[in-house]
Amino acid sequence: MNKLLLTAVALGTGGLIWGSPLLGTSSAWAGACVTDPVGDYEASGFSCNVGPVTFSDISVTTITSGSGTVTLGDFSPFTSVIGGSTEYGLALSYSANTGTTAGSAADVSWIYNVAGTPNLDDAYMSFTGTTTGTGTAALSETLSNGVTLSLTSPGSTSATFTPVDSLSVIKDQNDFSGSWGSAETSILENAFSTDVPVPEPASMTLLGTALLGLGWLGRRRGKQV
């Protein structure tokens, strides 16, 4: 009976179950990401996963000028459904403030590698903050496959691309006071979705029919016994 059930599931879904994250090569994944200081994530050889997405070789640098200040906090994992896709990512908490001195800056750069099982097929990024006067807050991201994302004010954006198994990422968040303003930011998020196949309605109907048939067969055999 168990062999028949497994066969029906595999046939009913076109074999998709064998490519799902639950039955994938989990032994090759790193440990689960947890909320920890930036310094822990920057340790040599460190990597961690959020669902089927693995982050590694993480480096965060800061640059300030004038009255600008940056204080780094923690990295935290998160999972969210955005635009119909499940995104697996890391959020960097920090405090960046230009102050009100003209020409001041407070910048954060986040560099890392990312890999997906199965392949990565989109990138999502966001940041929070406020500006006054001539102050500006912007975020840009460059992926090693040539895709770029950019924001000229706090918010979020995403980009889809041909599935790839891994990427190198350079992320820059820039705050500038201008001549008579200020900018303050506090959270950076970056996430990716994977090209996990979704069974079509016809496949799901076939699966349901197969399971009902097996249930009926089991009851019939029970009565015969």
N, C-alpha and C. Protein backbone atom coordinates (compact mmCIF):
# COMPACT_ATOMS: atom_id res chain seq x y z
N MET A 1 0.83 -1.21 0.00
CA MET A 1 0.00 0.00 0.00
C MET A 1 0.86 1.25 0.00
N ASN A 2 1.88 1.28 0.85
CA ASN A 2 2.77 2.44 0.91
C ASN A 2 3.47 2.68 -0.42
N LYS A 3 3.90 1.58 -1.08
CA LYS A 3 4.58 1.72 -2.37
C LYS A 3 3.62 2.28 -3.41
N LEU A 4 2.35 1.81 -3.38
CA LEU A 4 1.36 2.31 -4.33
C LEU A 4 1.09 3.78 -4.11
N LEU A 5 1.03 4.22 -2.85
CA LEU A 5 0.76 5.62 -2.53
C LEU A 5 1.88 6.52 -3.02
N LEU A 6 3.12 6.13 -2.77
CA LEU A 6 4.26 6.92 -3.22
C LEU A 6 4.30 7.01 -4.73
N THR A 7 3.98 5.92 -5.40
CA THR A 7 3.97 5.92 -6.86
C THR A 7 2.90 6.86 -7.38
N ALA A 8 1.71 6.83 -6.77
CA ALA A 8 0.62 7.70 -7.21
C ALA A 8 0.97 9.16 -7.01
N VAL A 9 1.60 9.49 -5.86
CA VAL A 9 2.00 10.88 -5.60
C VAL A 9 2.99 11.36 -6.63
N ALA A 10 4.00 10.53 -6.93
CA ALA A 10 5.02 10.93 -7.90
C ALA A 10 4.42 11.11 -9.28
N LEU A 11 3.52 10.19 -9.68
CA LEU A 11 2.90 10.29 -11.00
C LEU A 11 1.91 11.44 -11.06
N GLY A 12 1.15 11.63 -9.99
CA GLY A 12 0.12 12.65 -9.97
C GLY A 12 0.68 14.05 -10.02
N THR A 13 1.88 14.26 -9.55
CA THR A 13 2.49 15.60 -9.57
C THR A 13 3.57 15.70 -10.62
N GLY A 14 3.65 14.73 -11.47
CA GLY A 14 4.69 14.78 -12.50
C GLY A 14 6.07 14.64 -11.92
N GLY A 15 6.18 14.06 -10.70
CA GLY A 15 7.48 13.89 -10.07
C GLY A 15 7.98 15.14 -9.38
N LEU A 16 7.12 16.18 -9.27
CA LEU A 16 7.59 17.45 -8.71
C LEU A 16 7.98 17.33 -7.25
N ILE A 17 7.37 16.39 -6.54
CA ILE A 17 7.68 16.29 -5.12
C ILE A 17 9.15 16.02 -4.86
N TRP A 18 9.79 15.34 -5.78
CA TRP A 18 11.21 15.01 -5.56
C TRP A 18 12.10 16.22 -5.72
N GLY A 19 11.62 17.31 -6.32
CA GLY A 19 12.43 18.52 -6.46
C GLY A 19 12.07 19.58 -5.45
N SER A 20 11.19 19.26 -4.50
CA SER A 20 10.77 20.26 -3.53
C SER A 20 11.85 20.46 -2.47
N PRO A 21 11.85 21.64 -1.79
CA PRO A 21 12.85 21.91 -0.75
C PRO A 21 12.82 20.87 0.36
N LEU A 22 11.63 20.31 0.66
CA LEU A 22 11.54 19.36 1.76
C LEU A 22 12.32 18.09 1.49
N LEU A 23 12.45 17.73 0.21
CA LEU A 23 13.15 16.50 -0.13
C LEU A 23 14.39 16.76 -0.97
N GLY A 24 14.88 18.01 -0.91
CA GLY A 24 16.05 18.38 -1.69
C GLY A 24 17.33 18.01 -0.97
N THR A 25 18.42 18.59 -1.40
CA THR A 25 19.73 18.26 -0.83
C THR A 25 19.96 19.11 0.42
N SER A 26 19.14 18.91 1.44
CA SER A 26 19.24 19.73 2.65
C SER A 26 20.56 19.54 3.37
N SER A 27 21.21 18.40 3.18
CA SER A 27 22.48 18.15 3.85
C SER A 27 23.56 19.10 3.39
N ALA A 28 23.36 19.71 2.19
CA ALA A 28 24.36 20.62 1.67
C ALA A 28 24.13 22.05 2.15
N TRP A 29 23.00 22.30 2.82
CA TRP A 29 22.70 23.64 3.29
C TRP A 29 23.51 23.98 4.53
N ALA A 30 23.68 25.28 4.75
CA ALA A 30 24.31 25.74 5.98
C ALA A 30 23.28 25.70 7.10
N GLY A 31 23.71 26.04 8.33
CA GLY A 31 22.76 26.12 9.43
C GLY A 31 21.79 27.27 9.21
N ALA A 32 20.68 27.24 9.91
CA ALA A 32 19.67 28.28 9.76
C ALA A 32 20.19 29.62 10.27
N CYS A 33 19.87 30.70 9.55
CA CYS A 33 20.23 32.04 9.99
C CYS A 33 19.43 32.40 11.24
N VAL A 34 20.06 33.12 12.16
CA VAL A 34 19.40 33.60 13.38
C VAL A 34 19.75 35.07 13.57
N THR A 35 19.05 35.74 14.46
CA THR A 35 19.34 37.14 14.75
C THR A 35 20.63 37.22 15.55
N ASP A 36 21.63 37.87 14.96
CA ASP A 36 22.94 37.99 15.59
C ASP A 36 23.61 39.28 15.13
N PRO A 37 24.61 39.77 15.90
CA PRO A 37 25.32 40.98 15.50
C PRO A 37 26.01 40.81 14.14
N VAL A 38 26.21 41.93 13.47
CA VAL A 38 26.87 41.93 12.16
C VAL A 38 28.22 41.22 12.22
N GLY A 39 28.97 41.43 13.29
CA GLY A 39 30.29 40.83 13.42
C GLY A 39 30.27 39.32 13.32
N ASP A 40 29.23 38.67 13.85
CA ASP A 40 29.13 37.22 13.77
C ASP A 40 28.94 36.76 12.33
N TYR A 41 28.14 37.51 11.57
CA TYR A 41 27.90 37.16 10.17
C TYR A 41 29.13 37.40 9.29
N GLU A 42 30.01 38.26 9.74
CA GLU A 42 31.21 38.56 8.96
C GLU A 42 32.36 37.60 9.25
N ALA A 43 32.19 36.68 10.18
CA ALA A 43 33.26 35.75 10.55
C ALA A 43 33.70 34.94 9.33
N SER A 44 34.98 34.65 9.26
CA SER A 44 35.53 33.91 8.14
C SER A 44 34.87 32.54 8.00
N GLY A 45 34.42 32.22 6.79
CA GLY A 45 33.81 30.93 6.53
C GLY A 45 32.36 30.81 6.94
N PHE A 46 31.78 31.89 7.49
CA PHE A 46 30.40 31.83 7.95
C PHE A 46 29.41 31.77 6.79
N SER A 47 28.38 30.96 6.93
CA SER A 47 27.25 30.95 6.00
C SER A 47 26.03 30.46 6.75
N CYS A 48 24.86 30.82 6.27
CA CYS A 48 23.62 30.36 6.89
C CYS A 48 22.51 30.40 5.86
N ASN A 49 21.43 29.67 6.13
CA ASN A 49 20.35 29.62 5.16
C ASN A 49 19.04 30.14 5.74
N VAL A 50 18.25 30.75 4.86
CA VAL A 50 16.87 31.12 5.16
C VAL A 50 16.03 30.31 4.17
N GLY A 51 15.39 29.25 4.65
CA GLY A 51 14.70 28.34 3.74
C GLY A 51 15.69 27.75 2.75
N PRO A 52 15.39 27.80 1.44
CA PRO A 52 16.27 27.21 0.43
C PRO A 52 17.37 28.15 -0.05
N VAL A 53 17.52 29.32 0.60
CA VAL A 53 18.50 30.32 0.16
C VAL A 53 19.63 30.43 1.18
N THR A 54 20.88 30.34 0.70
CA THR A 54 22.06 30.38 1.56
C THR A 54 22.85 31.66 1.34
N PHE A 55 23.19 32.34 2.43
CA PHE A 55 23.98 33.56 2.38
C PHE A 55 25.38 33.28 2.94
N SER A 56 26.41 33.84 2.29
CA SER A 56 27.78 33.60 2.74
C SER A 56 28.68 34.77 2.35
N ASP A 57 29.93 34.74 2.86
CA ASP A 57 30.95 35.75 2.54
C ASP A 57 30.41 37.17 2.72
N ILE A 58 29.82 37.41 3.87
CA ILE A 58 29.17 38.69 4.15
C ILE A 58 30.17 39.70 4.69
N SER A 59 30.09 40.92 4.16
CA SER A 59 30.95 42.01 4.62
C SER A 59 30.15 43.31 4.62
N VAL A 60 30.22 44.04 5.72
CA VAL A 60 29.51 45.32 5.85
C VAL A 60 30.53 46.41 6.20
N THR A 61 30.54 47.50 5.45
CA THR A 61 31.43 48.62 5.72
C THR A 61 30.62 49.91 5.80
N THR A 62 31.14 50.88 6.51
CA THR A 62 30.46 52.16 6.65
C THR A 62 31.42 53.31 6.33
N ILE A 63 30.87 54.39 5.79
CA ILE A 63 31.66 55.59 5.49
C ILE A 63 30.85 56.80 5.95
N THR A 64 31.46 57.69 6.69
CA THR A 64 30.78 58.89 7.14
C THR A 64 31.64 60.12 6.87
N SER A 65 30.98 61.26 6.77
CA SER A 65 31.69 62.54 6.62
C SER A 65 30.85 63.63 7.28
N GLY A 66 31.51 64.72 7.65
CA GLY A 66 30.81 65.81 8.32
C GLY A 66 30.22 65.34 9.64
N SER A 67 28.93 65.59 9.85
CA SER A 67 28.26 65.18 11.09
C SER A 67 27.59 63.82 10.97
N GLY A 68 27.89 63.07 9.91
CA GLY A 68 27.27 61.77 9.68
C GLY A 68 27.74 60.70 10.66
N THR A 69 26.83 59.81 11.06
CA THR A 69 27.15 58.70 11.96
C THR A 69 26.45 57.43 11.48
N VAL A 70 27.09 56.28 11.72
CA VAL A 70 26.48 54.98 11.42
C VAL A 70 26.79 54.02 12.56
N THR A 71 25.76 53.37 13.09
CA THR A 71 25.92 52.35 14.12
C THR A 71 25.26 51.07 13.63
N LEU A 72 26.04 50.00 13.52
CA LEU A 72 25.52 48.73 13.03
C LEU A 72 24.86 47.94 14.15
N GLY A 73 23.79 47.19 13.81
CA GLY A 73 23.08 46.38 14.78
C GLY A 73 23.18 44.91 14.47
N ASP A 74 22.05 44.28 14.14
CA ASP A 74 21.99 42.84 13.90
C ASP A 74 21.53 42.51 12.49
N PHE A 75 21.85 41.28 12.07
CA PHE A 75 21.21 40.66 10.92
C PHE A 75 20.09 39.77 11.46
N SER A 76 18.95 39.76 10.76
CA SER A 76 17.83 38.89 11.15
C SER A 76 17.25 38.24 9.90
N PRO A 77 16.92 36.94 9.96
CA PRO A 77 16.30 36.28 8.81
C PRO A 77 14.82 36.64 8.73
N PHE A 78 14.26 36.61 7.53
CA PHE A 78 12.82 36.80 7.38
C PHE A 78 12.34 36.07 6.12
N THR A 79 11.08 35.72 6.14
CA THR A 79 10.41 35.11 4.99
C THR A 79 9.11 35.86 4.77
N SER A 80 8.84 36.23 3.53
CA SER A 80 7.65 37.02 3.25
C SER A 80 7.13 36.71 1.85
N VAL A 81 5.83 36.75 1.68
CA VAL A 81 5.23 36.58 0.35
C VAL A 81 5.04 37.97 -0.25
N ILE A 82 5.76 38.23 -1.33
CA ILE A 82 5.75 39.54 -1.98
C ILE A 82 5.45 39.35 -3.46
N GLY A 83 4.38 39.96 -3.93
CA GLY A 83 4.02 39.84 -5.34
C GLY A 83 3.77 38.42 -5.79
N GLY A 84 3.26 37.58 -4.90
CA GLY A 84 2.96 36.21 -5.27
C GLY A 84 4.13 35.25 -5.13
N SER A 85 5.31 35.76 -4.78
CA SER A 85 6.50 34.91 -4.61
C SER A 85 6.92 34.89 -3.14
N THR A 86 7.39 33.75 -2.68
CA THR A 86 7.93 33.66 -1.33
C THR A 86 9.39 34.09 -1.36
N GLU A 87 9.69 35.15 -0.61
CA GLU A 87 11.04 35.70 -0.57
C GLU A 87 11.72 35.29 0.72
N TYR A 88 12.98 34.85 0.59
CA TYR A 88 13.77 34.41 1.73
C TYR A 88 14.96 35.37 1.87
N GLY A 89 15.08 36.05 3.00
CA GLY A 89 16.12 37.07 3.06
C GLY A 89 16.68 37.37 4.43
N LEU A 90 17.55 38.38 4.42
CA LEU A 90 18.17 38.91 5.64
C LEU A 90 17.85 40.39 5.74
N ALA A 91 17.60 40.83 6.97
CA ALA A 91 17.39 42.25 7.25
C ALA A 91 18.53 42.75 8.12
N LEU A 92 19.13 43.86 7.73
CA LEU A 92 20.21 44.48 8.49
C LEU A 92 19.65 45.68 9.24
N SER A 93 19.72 45.63 10.57
CA SER A 93 19.30 46.77 11.38
C SER A 93 20.52 47.64 11.69
N TYR A 94 20.35 48.93 11.60
CA TYR A 94 21.44 49.86 11.85
C TYR A 94 20.85 51.25 12.05
N SER A 95 21.67 52.21 12.38
CA SER A 95 21.23 53.59 12.51
C SER A 95 22.21 54.47 11.77
N ALA A 96 21.74 55.12 10.70
CA ALA A 96 22.58 56.04 9.92
C ALA A 96 21.91 57.40 9.93
N ASN A 97 22.68 58.43 10.24
CA ASN A 97 22.13 59.77 10.32
C ASN A 97 23.18 60.77 9.83
N THR A 98 22.79 61.63 8.89
CA THR A 98 23.74 62.61 8.37
C THR A 98 23.92 63.80 9.30
N GLY A 99 22.95 63.99 10.23
CA GLY A 99 22.96 65.25 10.96
C GLY A 99 22.54 66.37 10.02
N THR A 100 22.66 67.61 10.45
CA THR A 100 22.21 68.74 9.63
C THR A 100 23.34 69.60 9.07
N THR A 101 24.57 69.15 9.28
CA THR A 101 25.69 69.89 8.72
C THR A 101 25.72 69.71 7.21
N ALA A 102 25.84 70.81 6.49
CA ALA A 102 25.84 70.75 5.02
C ALA A 102 26.93 69.82 4.50
N GLY A 103 26.60 69.02 3.51
CA GLY A 103 27.59 68.14 2.88
C GLY A 103 27.92 66.88 3.66
N SER A 104 27.13 66.55 4.69
CA SER A 104 27.43 65.36 5.50
C SER A 104 26.86 64.10 4.85
N ALA A 105 27.55 62.97 5.10
CA ALA A 105 27.12 61.70 4.52
C ALA A 105 27.21 60.58 5.55
N ALA A 106 26.35 59.56 5.37
CA ALA A 106 26.37 58.37 6.21
C ALA A 106 26.00 57.19 5.31
N ASP A 107 27.00 56.42 4.91
CA ASP A 107 26.81 55.37 3.91
C ASP A 107 27.08 53.97 4.48
N VAL A 108 26.34 52.99 3.97
CA VAL A 108 26.51 51.59 4.36
C VAL A 108 26.65 50.74 3.11
N SER A 109 27.68 49.89 3.08
CA SER A 109 27.88 48.96 1.96
C SER A 109 27.79 47.54 2.49
N TRP A 110 27.02 46.70 1.78
CA TRP A 110 26.79 45.31 2.20
C TRP A 110 27.12 44.41 1.01
N ILE A 111 28.15 43.58 1.14
CA ILE A 111 28.59 42.69 0.08
C ILE A 111 28.42 41.25 0.55
N TYR A 112 27.94 40.37 -0.33
CA TYR A 112 27.75 38.97 0.07
C TYR A 112 27.55 38.09 -1.16
N ASN A 113 27.58 36.78 -0.93
CA ASN A 113 27.23 35.79 -1.94
C ASN A 113 25.94 35.10 -1.53
N VAL A 114 25.17 34.66 -2.51
CA VAL A 114 23.91 33.99 -2.22
C VAL A 114 23.72 32.85 -3.21
N ALA A 115 23.13 31.75 -2.72
CA ALA A 115 22.87 30.59 -3.57
C ALA A 115 21.49 30.04 -3.25
N GLY A 116 20.85 29.41 -4.24
CA GLY A 116 19.50 28.89 -4.04
C GLY A 116 19.38 27.44 -4.43
N THR A 117 18.48 26.71 -3.75
CA THR A 117 18.19 25.32 -4.07
C THR A 117 16.67 25.16 -4.13
N PRO A 118 16.01 25.10 -5.31
CA PRO A 118 16.64 25.20 -6.63
C PRO A 118 17.08 26.63 -6.93
N ASN A 119 17.18 26.99 -8.20
CA ASN A 119 17.82 28.24 -8.60
C ASN A 119 17.08 29.49 -8.14
N LEU A 120 17.86 30.58 -8.01
CA LEU A 120 17.30 31.89 -7.70
C LEU A 120 16.67 32.47 -8.96
N ASP A 121 15.51 33.12 -8.82
CA ASP A 121 14.91 33.71 -10.02
C ASP A 121 14.39 35.13 -9.83
N ASP A 122 14.55 35.70 -8.61
CA ASP A 122 14.27 37.12 -8.46
C ASP A 122 14.95 37.66 -7.22
N ALA A 123 15.12 38.98 -7.18
CA ALA A 123 15.73 39.65 -6.04
C ALA A 123 14.81 40.75 -5.55
N TYR A 124 14.75 40.93 -4.25
CA TYR A 124 13.93 41.96 -3.61
C TYR A 124 14.80 42.75 -2.65
N MET A 125 14.59 44.07 -2.59
CA MET A 125 15.32 44.88 -1.62
C MET A 125 14.43 46.01 -1.13
N SER A 126 14.70 46.47 0.08
CA SER A 126 13.95 47.59 0.64
C SER A 126 14.79 48.28 1.71
N PHE A 127 14.41 49.52 2.04
CA PHE A 127 15.02 50.18 3.18
C PHE A 127 14.05 51.21 3.74
N THR A 128 14.23 51.55 5.02
CA THR A 128 13.35 52.51 5.67
C THR A 128 14.16 53.74 6.06
N GLY A 129 13.50 54.88 6.11
CA GLY A 129 14.19 56.10 6.50
C GLY A 129 13.35 57.34 6.25
N THR A 130 13.91 58.50 6.62
CA THR A 130 13.25 59.78 6.41
C THR A 130 14.28 60.81 5.98
N THR A 131 13.81 61.83 5.30
CA THR A 131 14.69 62.93 4.88
C THR A 131 14.01 64.26 5.17
N THR A 132 14.82 65.31 5.31
CA THR A 132 14.29 66.66 5.47
C THR A 132 15.05 67.59 4.53
N GLY A 133 14.41 68.68 4.11
CA GLY A 133 15.07 69.67 3.27
C GLY A 133 15.71 69.06 2.04
N THR A 134 16.99 69.32 1.86
CA THR A 134 17.73 68.81 0.70
C THR A 134 18.34 67.43 0.94
N GLY A 135 18.01 66.82 2.06
CA GLY A 135 18.55 65.50 2.37
C GLY A 135 18.05 64.44 1.40
N THR A 136 18.90 63.47 1.11
CA THR A 136 18.53 62.36 0.22
C THR A 136 18.94 61.02 0.84
N ALA A 137 18.16 59.99 0.54
CA ALA A 137 18.47 58.63 0.97
C ALA A 137 18.23 57.72 -0.23
N ALA A 138 19.24 56.96 -0.62
CA ALA A 138 19.14 56.13 -1.83
C ALA A 138 19.74 54.76 -1.57
N LEU A 139 19.32 53.79 -2.38
CA LEU A 139 19.82 52.42 -2.27
C LEU A 139 20.01 51.84 -3.65
N SER A 140 21.16 51.19 -3.87
CA SER A 140 21.41 50.53 -5.16
C SER A 140 21.99 49.15 -4.90
N GLU A 141 21.77 48.26 -5.88
CA GLU A 141 22.25 46.89 -5.74
C GLU A 141 22.68 46.37 -7.11
N THR A 142 23.84 45.76 -7.15
CA THR A 142 24.36 45.20 -8.40
C THR A 142 24.58 43.71 -8.22
N LEU A 143 23.95 42.91 -9.07
CA LEU A 143 24.09 41.46 -9.03
C LEU A 143 25.11 41.01 -10.08
N SER A 144 25.79 39.91 -9.82
CA SER A 144 26.85 39.45 -10.72
C SER A 144 26.33 38.97 -12.06
N ASN A 145 25.01 38.78 -12.20
CA ASN A 145 24.45 38.40 -13.51
C ASN A 145 24.09 39.62 -14.36
N GLY A 146 24.48 40.83 -13.90
CA GLY A 146 24.24 42.04 -14.67
C GLY A 146 22.97 42.78 -14.31
N VAL A 147 22.14 42.22 -13.45
CA VAL A 147 20.89 42.87 -13.03
C VAL A 147 21.20 43.92 -11.96
N THR A 148 20.55 45.09 -12.05
CA THR A 148 20.71 46.14 -11.06
C THR A 148 19.34 46.57 -10.53
N LEU A 149 19.31 46.97 -9.27
CA LEU A 149 18.11 47.50 -8.65
C LEU A 149 18.47 48.84 -8.01
N SER A 150 17.53 49.78 -7.99
CA SER A 150 17.83 51.08 -7.39
C SER A 150 16.58 51.72 -6.82
N LEU A 151 16.78 52.48 -5.75
CA LEU A 151 15.73 53.27 -5.12
C LEU A 151 16.31 54.65 -4.80
N THR A 152 15.57 55.70 -5.11
CA THR A 152 16.03 57.06 -4.81
C THR A 152 15.37 57.64 -3.57
N SER A 153 14.55 56.82 -2.89
CA SER A 153 13.92 57.20 -1.63
C SER A 153 13.52 55.92 -0.90
N PRO A 154 13.30 55.98 0.41
CA PRO A 154 12.92 54.77 1.14
C PRO A 154 11.72 54.07 0.51
N GLY A 155 11.79 52.74 0.45
CA GLY A 155 10.73 51.96 -0.18
C GLY A 155 11.25 50.58 -0.53
N SER A 156 10.68 49.96 -1.55
CA SER A 156 11.09 48.62 -1.95
C SER A 156 11.00 48.46 -3.45
N THR A 157 11.74 47.49 -3.98
CA THR A 157 11.69 47.18 -5.40
C THR A 157 12.17 45.75 -5.59
N SER A 158 11.91 45.17 -6.77
CA SER A 158 12.35 43.81 -7.06
C SER A 158 12.64 43.67 -8.54
N ALA A 159 13.32 42.60 -8.89
CA ALA A 159 13.64 42.32 -10.30
C ALA A 159 13.68 40.81 -10.50
N THR A 160 13.12 40.36 -11.62
CA THR A 160 13.18 38.95 -11.97
C THR A 160 14.26 38.73 -13.02
N PHE A 161 14.76 37.51 -13.11
CA PHE A 161 15.82 37.22 -14.07
C PHE A 161 15.85 35.73 -14.37
N THR A 162 16.61 35.36 -15.39
CA THR A 162 16.78 33.95 -15.75
C THR A 162 17.37 33.21 -14.55
N PRO A 163 16.78 32.09 -14.14
CA PRO A 163 17.26 31.38 -12.94
C PRO A 163 18.75 31.08 -12.96
N VAL A 164 19.40 31.32 -11.84
CA VAL A 164 20.83 31.03 -11.66
C VAL A 164 21.01 30.35 -10.31
N ASP A 165 22.08 29.56 -10.16
CA ASP A 165 22.26 28.85 -8.90
C ASP A 165 22.91 29.70 -7.82
N SER A 166 23.66 30.75 -8.21
CA SER A 166 24.32 31.59 -7.21
C SER A 166 24.62 32.97 -7.78
N LEU A 167 24.84 33.93 -6.87
CA LEU A 167 25.13 35.31 -7.26
C LEU A 167 26.08 35.94 -6.25
N SER A 168 26.84 36.93 -6.73
CA SER A 168 27.58 37.83 -5.85
C SER A 168 26.84 39.16 -5.88
N VAL A 169 26.73 39.81 -4.73
CA VAL A 169 25.90 41.00 -4.63
C VAL A 169 26.67 42.14 -3.95
N ILE A 170 26.54 43.34 -4.52
CA ILE A 170 27.10 44.56 -3.92
C ILE A 170 25.93 45.51 -3.69
N LYS A 171 25.73 45.91 -2.44
CA LYS A 171 24.59 46.73 -2.05
C LYS A 171 25.10 48.00 -1.38
N ASP A 172 24.65 49.17 -1.85
CA ASP A 172 25.10 50.45 -1.29
C ASP A 172 23.91 51.29 -0.88
N GLN A 173 23.92 51.75 0.37
CA GLN A 173 22.89 52.65 0.86
C GLN A 173 23.57 53.98 1.22
N ASN A 174 23.12 55.06 0.61
CA ASN A 174 23.76 56.36 0.75
C ASN A 174 22.81 57.41 1.31
N ASP A 175 23.25 58.09 2.37
CA ASP A 175 22.50 59.20 2.95
C ASP A 175 23.34 60.48 2.81
N PHE A 176 22.69 61.57 2.37
CA PHE A 176 23.40 62.83 2.15
C PHE A 176 22.53 63.99 2.63
N SER A 177 23.15 64.92 3.34
CA SER A 177 22.38 66.03 3.91
C SER A 177 22.10 67.15 2.91
N GLY A 178 22.90 67.21 1.84
CA GLY A 178 22.75 68.34 0.92
C GLY A 178 23.19 69.63 1.57
N SER A 179 22.63 70.74 1.13
CA SER A 179 23.06 72.04 1.64
C SER A 179 22.32 72.48 2.90
N TRP A 180 21.07 72.03 3.08
CA TRP A 180 20.32 72.44 4.27
C TRP A 180 19.26 71.40 4.67
N GLY A 181 19.68 70.14 4.76
CA GLY A 181 18.74 69.08 5.12
C GLY A 181 19.39 67.98 5.93
N SER A 182 18.73 66.84 5.97
CA SER A 182 19.26 65.69 6.70
C SER A 182 18.64 64.41 6.13
N ALA A 183 19.24 63.27 6.45
CA ALA A 183 18.72 61.97 6.06
C ALA A 183 19.02 60.97 7.17
N GLU A 184 18.06 60.10 7.44
CA GLU A 184 18.22 59.10 8.48
C GLU A 184 17.61 57.80 8.00
N THR A 185 18.34 56.68 8.09
CA THR A 185 17.84 55.37 7.69
C THR A 185 18.15 54.34 8.77
N SER A 186 17.42 53.18 8.72
CA SER A 186 17.58 52.24 9.83
C SER A 186 17.51 50.76 9.49
N ILE A 187 16.86 50.34 8.41
CA ILE A 187 16.74 48.91 8.10
C ILE A 187 16.94 48.66 6.61
N LEU A 188 17.81 47.71 6.30
CA LEU A 188 18.00 47.25 4.92
C LEU A 188 17.52 45.81 4.83
N GLU A 189 16.76 45.51 3.80
CA GLU A 189 16.31 44.13 3.58
C GLU A 189 16.74 43.66 2.20
N ASN A 190 17.14 42.40 2.13
CA ASN A 190 17.44 41.81 0.84
C ASN A 190 16.97 40.37 0.84
N ALA A 191 16.26 39.97 -0.23
CA ALA A 191 15.69 38.62 -0.26
C ALA A 191 15.63 38.11 -1.69
N PHE A 192 15.48 36.79 -1.80
CA PHE A 192 15.42 36.13 -3.11
C PHE A 192 14.35 35.05 -3.08
N SER A 193 13.76 34.79 -4.25
CA SER A 193 12.85 33.66 -4.38
C SER A 193 13.52 32.62 -5.27
N THR A 194 13.02 31.39 -5.21
CA THR A 194 13.59 30.31 -6.01
C THR A 194 12.52 29.79 -6.98
N ASP A 195 12.99 29.19 -8.07
CA ASP A 195 12.05 28.72 -9.10
C ASP A 195 11.49 27.35 -8.75
N VAL A 196 10.79 27.27 -7.60
CA VAL A 196 10.14 26.04 -7.19
C VAL A 196 8.94 25.81 -8.07
N PRO A 197 8.84 24.68 -8.78
CA PRO A 197 7.70 24.43 -9.67
C PRO A 197 6.41 24.27 -8.87
N VAL A 198 5.32 24.81 -9.38
CA VAL A 198 4.01 24.72 -8.74
C VAL A 198 3.12 23.80 -9.56
N PRO A 199 2.56 22.74 -8.96
CA PRO A 199 1.70 21.83 -9.72
C PRO A 199 0.52 22.57 -10.34
N GLU A 200 0.22 22.28 -11.60
CA GLU A 200 -0.92 22.88 -12.27
C GLU A 200 -2.20 22.21 -11.79
N PRO A 201 -3.37 22.90 -11.93
CA PRO A 201 -4.64 22.33 -11.47
C PRO A 201 -4.90 20.93 -11.99
N ALA A 202 -4.58 20.66 -13.26
CA ALA A 202 -4.81 19.32 -13.83
C ALA A 202 -4.01 18.27 -13.08
N SER A 203 -2.76 18.60 -12.71
CA SER A 203 -1.93 17.65 -11.98
C SER A 203 -2.50 17.39 -10.60
N MET A 204 -3.00 18.47 -9.94
CA MET A 204 -3.56 18.30 -8.61
C MET A 204 -4.83 17.45 -8.66
N THR A 205 -5.63 17.61 -9.72
CA THR A 205 -6.84 16.80 -9.88
C THR A 205 -6.48 15.33 -10.04
N LEU A 206 -5.45 15.06 -10.85
CA LEU A 206 -4.99 13.69 -11.05
C LEU A 206 -4.50 13.09 -9.75
N LEU A 207 -3.78 13.88 -8.96
CA LEU A 207 -3.28 13.40 -7.67
C LEU A 207 -4.45 13.04 -6.76
N GLY A 208 -5.47 13.93 -6.70
CA GLY A 208 -6.61 13.66 -5.84
C GLY A 208 -7.34 12.40 -6.26
N THR A 209 -7.51 12.22 -7.57
CA THR A 209 -8.18 11.02 -8.08
C THR A 209 -7.42 9.76 -7.71
N ALA A 210 -6.08 9.83 -7.85
CA ALA A 210 -5.25 8.66 -7.52
C ALA A 210 -5.37 8.30 -6.04
N LEU A 211 -5.37 9.31 -5.17
CA LEU A 211 -5.45 9.05 -3.73
C LEU A 211 -6.82 8.48 -3.35
N LEU A 212 -7.90 9.02 -3.98
CA LEU A 212 -9.23 8.49 -3.71
C LEU A 212 -9.34 7.03 -4.14
N GLY A 213 -8.76 6.72 -5.31
CA GLY A 213 -8.78 5.36 -5.81
C GLY A 213 -8.06 4.40 -4.88
N LEU A 214 -6.92 4.85 -4.34
CA LEU A 214 -6.17 4.00 -3.42
C LEU A 214 -6.95 3.79 -2.13
N GLY A 215 -7.66 4.84 -1.68
CA GLY A 215 -8.46 4.71 -0.46
C GLY A 215 -9.59 3.71 -0.65
N TRP A 216 -10.26 3.78 -1.81
CA TRP A 216 -11.34 2.84 -2.11
C TRP A 216 -10.81 1.41 -2.18
N LEU A 217 -9.62 1.24 -2.81
CA LEU A 217 -9.01 -0.09 -2.93
C LEU A 217 -8.69 -0.66 -1.56
N GLY A 218 -8.20 0.20 -0.68
CA GLY A 218 -7.87 -0.26 0.67
C GLY A 218 -9.10 -0.72 1.43
N ARG A 219 -10.21 0.04 1.31
CA ARG A 219 -11.44 -0.35 2.01
C ARG A 219 -12.00 -1.66 1.46
N ARG A 220 -11.93 -1.84 0.12
CA ARG A 220 -12.43 -3.05 -0.51
C ARG A 220 -11.66 -4.28 -0.03
N ARG A 221 -10.32 -4.11 0.03
CA ARG A 221 -9.51 -5.24 0.51
C ARG A 221 -9.82 -5.57 1.94
N GLY A 222 -10.08 -4.52 2.73
CA GLY A 222 -10.40 -4.75 4.14
C GLY A 222 -11.68 -5.55 4.30
N LYS A 223 -12.68 -5.26 3.48
CA LYS A 223 -13.95 -5.98 3.55
C LYS A 223 -13.76 -7.43 3.13
N GLN A 224 -12.92 -7.65 2.10
CA GLN A 224 -12.70 -9.02 1.62
C GLN A 224 -12.04 -9.85 2.71
N VAL A 225 -11.09 -9.23 3.44
CA VAL A 225 -10.42 -9.96 4.52
C VAL A 225 -11.41 -10.30 5.62
